[in-house]
Amino acid sequence: MTTDKNKPWSPDLSAAEETTLFTIANDSLAWCVEHNQKPFDFSPYNITEKLKIPRATFVTLKINAILRGCIGSLEPSLPLYQSIHDNAVNAAMHDPRFPAVTTNELPQLDVHISILSPITTIANIDEFKLGEHGIIIQKGYHRAVFLPEVAIEQNWNVEQTLSYLSQKAGLPPDGWKSGTTFQVFSSVSIGSEDIPQ
């Protein structure tokens, strides 16, 4: 079987599977914000075989287009459905940049889930495709990541993206120019606008 290198990466989920993941994310947010004492119950959801495949994911929360929390995993260590649940909870409750989401904020949250492709190390920053690739910078103990949509949302060019990524990693703005390694990945983002109402 041959693969089309020009075809965007995809986890190959059905619309129903995407809806299941999005529902899990939203239900997980309500569950943790309302401090439900019982363990989260996955039994109401149709967990298909594709949703059991280990995937790296991110969950991003915004209110009025302003970031409210974003947590993810770069390693596919958990089944997709479990990863979405965990990252939704962590984005709401444990993003160190923000206080925990409150019950009053729940109806205002704009939720996006991102499913990541396998990560690839690039030899040259010229291989980074703005808007198509997410990017990870590493220099010593410093490490940071941007999802593919960040640069587009901020209207950054490549150099601006790398400058802000360097600063996110705790480096000077030009820290990306020497002694760094870069990795890239693709992702599929699912938001409320993608889910049939």
Protein backbone atom coordinates (compact mmCIF):
# COMPACT_ATOMS: atom_id res chain seq x y z
CA MET A 1 0.00 0.00 0.00
CA THR A 2 1.35 3.42 -0.89
CA THR A 3 0.69 6.63 1.03
CA ASP A 4 0.26 10.08 -0.45
CA LYS A 5 2.87 12.33 1.17
CA ASN A 6 0.88 15.40 0.12
CA LYS A 7 -2.24 14.20 1.91
CA PRO A 8 -2.66 15.80 5.35
CA TRP A 9 -2.17 13.49 8.30
CA SER A 10 -5.39 12.30 9.89
CA PRO A 11 -6.38 9.96 12.75
CA ASP A 12 -9.10 8.76 10.33
CA LEU A 13 -12.03 9.19 12.69
CA SER A 14 -15.68 9.18 11.71
CA ALA A 15 -17.94 12.12 12.52
CA ALA A 16 -19.51 10.00 15.26
CA GLU A 17 -16.09 9.26 16.81
CA GLU A 18 -15.17 12.96 16.72
CA THR A 19 -18.47 13.77 18.43
CA THR A 20 -17.76 11.16 21.10
CA LEU A 21 -14.37 12.70 21.86
CA PHE A 22 -15.81 16.20 22.00
CA THR A 23 -18.59 15.03 24.32
CA ILE A 24 -16.04 13.32 26.58
CA ALA A 25 -14.03 16.58 26.73
CA ASN A 26 -17.07 18.67 27.66
CA ASP A 27 -18.40 16.14 30.16
CA SER A 28 -14.94 15.85 31.72
CA LEU A 29 -14.84 19.62 32.19
CA ALA A 30 -18.19 19.65 33.97
CA TRP A 31 -17.17 16.63 36.05
CA CYS A 32 -13.94 18.18 37.35
CA VAL A 33 -15.11 21.79 37.73
CA GLU A 34 -18.14 20.69 39.73
CA HIS A 35 -15.84 18.51 41.89
CA ASN A 36 -17.73 15.29 41.31
CA GLN A 37 -16.47 12.79 43.86
CA LYS A 38 -17.25 9.68 41.81
CA PRO A 39 -14.73 8.41 39.21
CA PHE A 40 -15.46 9.59 35.68
CA ASP A 41 -17.70 7.01 33.99
CA PHE A 42 -16.81 6.15 30.38
CA SER A 43 -19.56 3.54 30.03
CA PRO A 44 -22.12 5.88 28.37
CA TYR A 45 -19.79 6.52 25.42
CA ASN A 46 -19.25 4.39 22.34
CA ILE A 47 -15.51 3.75 22.68
CA THR A 48 -14.54 2.30 19.31
CA GLU A 49 -11.26 0.57 18.52
CA LYS A 50 -9.88 3.76 16.92
CA LEU A 51 -10.59 5.68 20.11
CA LYS A 52 -8.52 3.12 22.02
CA ILE A 53 -5.38 3.75 19.94
CA PRO A 54 -2.74 5.63 21.99
CA ARG A 55 -2.49 9.22 20.74
CA ALA A 56 -0.89 12.43 21.90
CA THR A 57 -3.52 15.14 22.38
CA PHE A 58 -4.07 18.70 23.56
CA VAL A 59 -7.20 20.35 24.95
CA THR A 60 -7.47 24.13 24.56
CA LEU A 61 -9.99 26.26 26.43
CA LYS A 62 -10.87 29.83 25.47
CA ILE A 63 -13.40 32.40 26.66
CA ASN A 64 -14.27 35.19 24.22
CA ALA A 65 -11.33 34.07 22.02
CA ILE A 66 -8.89 34.56 24.93
CA LEU A 67 -6.86 31.57 26.14
CA ARG A 68 -8.21 30.12 29.41
CA GLY A 69 -6.18 26.92 29.58
CA CYS A 70 -4.23 24.54 27.38
CA ILE A 71 -2.64 21.27 28.42
CA GLY A 72 -1.50 18.36 26.33
CA SER A 73 0.77 15.41 25.90
CA LEU A 74 3.44 14.95 23.24
CA GLU A 75 3.80 11.23 23.82
CA PRO A 76 1.02 8.80 22.83
CA SER A 77 1.01 7.09 26.21
CA LEU A 78 -2.76 6.79 26.73
CA PRO A 79 -5.71 5.63 24.61
CA LEU A 80 -7.14 8.58 22.66
CA TYR A 81 -10.36 8.82 24.67
CA GLN A 82 -8.48 8.71 28.01
CA SER A 83 -5.94 11.28 26.82
CA ILE A 84 -8.73 13.70 25.90
CA HIS A 85 -10.35 13.22 29.32
CA ASP A 86 -7.09 13.75 31.23
CA ASN A 87 -6.05 16.81 29.24
CA ALA A 88 -9.49 18.41 29.52
CA VAL A 89 -9.28 18.06 33.31
CA ASN A 90 -5.70 19.35 33.39
CA ALA A 91 -6.48 22.31 31.11
CA ALA A 92 -9.34 23.34 33.38
CA MET A 93 -7.75 22.70 36.75
CA HIS A 94 -3.98 22.51 36.46
CA ASP A 95 -2.67 24.95 33.83
CA PRO A 96 -0.14 26.87 35.98
CA ARG A 97 -0.78 30.08 34.02
CA PHE A 98 -4.42 30.32 35.14
CA PRO A 99 -6.65 29.76 38.17
CA ALA A 100 -8.93 26.75 38.01
CA VAL A 101 -12.02 27.12 35.82
CA THR A 102 -15.14 27.94 37.84
CA THR A 103 -18.68 26.66 37.51
CA ASN A 104 -19.81 30.07 36.24
CA GLU A 105 -17.25 29.90 33.42
CA LEU A 106 -18.31 26.47 32.15
CA PRO A 107 -21.04 27.76 29.77
CA GLN A 108 -18.62 30.31 28.32
CA LEU A 109 -15.84 27.85 27.43
CA ASP A 110 -14.92 27.36 23.80
CA VAL A 111 -13.33 23.91 23.71
CA HIS A 112 -10.95 22.59 21.06
CA ILE A 113 -9.29 19.20 21.07
CA SER A 114 -6.19 18.48 19.02
CA ILE A 115 -5.03 15.01 18.01
CA LEU A 116 -1.34 14.86 17.16
CA SER A 117 0.52 12.88 14.54
CA PRO A 118 3.77 11.11 15.40
CA ILE A 119 6.58 13.61 16.05
CA THR A 120 9.47 13.98 13.60
CA THR A 121 12.88 15.58 14.17
CA ILE A 122 13.88 18.01 11.41
CA ALA A 123 17.45 18.70 10.39
CA ASN A 124 16.79 22.25 9.23
CA ILE A 125 14.22 24.84 10.24
CA ASP A 126 13.42 25.27 6.54
CA GLU A 127 11.50 21.98 6.84
CA PHE A 128 9.02 23.67 9.21
CA LYS A 129 5.79 24.48 7.36
CA LEU A 130 4.00 27.39 8.99
CA GLY A 131 0.35 26.62 9.71
CA GLU A 132 0.73 22.97 8.77
CA HIS A 133 3.19 21.89 11.45
CA GLY A 134 3.20 22.20 15.19
CA ILE A 135 6.72 22.77 16.44
CA ILE A 136 8.77 21.80 19.48
CA ILE A 137 11.99 23.55 20.42
CA GLN A 138 14.55 22.04 22.76
CA LYS A 139 17.80 23.55 24.00
CA GLY A 140 19.32 21.95 27.06
CA TYR A 141 16.60 21.78 29.70
CA HIS A 142 14.48 24.34 27.86
CA ARG A 143 11.54 23.02 25.88
CA ALA A 144 8.31 24.47 24.49
CA VAL A 145 5.66 23.66 21.91
CA PHE A 146 3.19 25.50 19.70
CA LEU A 147 0.26 23.77 18.00
CA PRO A 148 -0.04 24.38 14.24
CA GLU A 149 -2.88 26.90 14.57
CA VAL A 150 -1.05 29.22 16.99
CA ALA A 151 1.04 31.04 14.38
CA ILE A 152 -1.95 31.48 12.08
CA GLU A 153 -4.18 32.80 14.87
CA GLN A 154 -1.48 35.28 15.91
CA ASN A 155 -0.62 36.19 12.30
CA TRP A 156 3.07 35.40 12.90
CA ASN A 157 5.67 34.63 10.26
CA VAL A 158 8.25 31.87 10.80
CA GLU A 159 10.79 34.09 12.56
CA GLN A 160 8.16 35.56 14.88
CA THR A 161 6.88 32.09 15.67
CA LEU A 162 10.36 30.87 16.58
CA SER A 163 11.05 34.00 18.62
CA TYR A 164 7.89 33.58 20.71
CA LEU A 165 8.52 29.84 21.00
CA SER A 166 12.01 30.55 22.33
CA GLN A 167 10.60 32.90 24.94
CA LYS A 168 7.96 30.35 25.93
CA ALA A 169 10.83 27.90 26.53
CA GLY A 170 12.55 30.44 28.81
CA LEU A 171 15.16 31.41 26.21
CA PRO A 172 15.97 34.83 24.74
CA PRO A 173 14.00 35.70 21.56
CA ASP A 174 16.91 34.68 19.34
CA GLY A 175 17.62 31.52 21.33
CA TRP A 176 16.34 29.38 18.47
CA LYS A 177 19.19 30.41 16.16
CA SER A 178 21.89 28.13 17.62
CA GLY A 179 22.28 24.96 19.64
CA THR A 180 18.63 23.97 19.36
CA THR A 181 16.82 20.92 18.07
CA PHE A 182 13.41 21.12 16.44
CA GLN A 183 10.65 18.59 16.04
CA VAL A 184 7.44 18.96 14.08
CA PHE A 185 4.05 17.29 13.97
CA SER A 186 0.69 17.67 12.34
CA SER A 187 -2.59 17.77 14.19
CA VAL A 188 -6.32 17.59 13.63
CA SER A 189 -8.31 20.12 15.67
CA ILE A 190 -11.96 19.54 16.57
CA GLY A 191 -14.13 22.33 17.96
CA SER A 192 -17.81 22.92 18.54
CA GLU A 193 -18.13 24.28 15.01
CA ASP A 194 -17.10 20.84 13.69
CA ILE A 195 -19.71 18.91 15.67
CA PRO A 196 -23.25 18.49 14.29
CA GLN A 197 -25.77 20.14 16.65
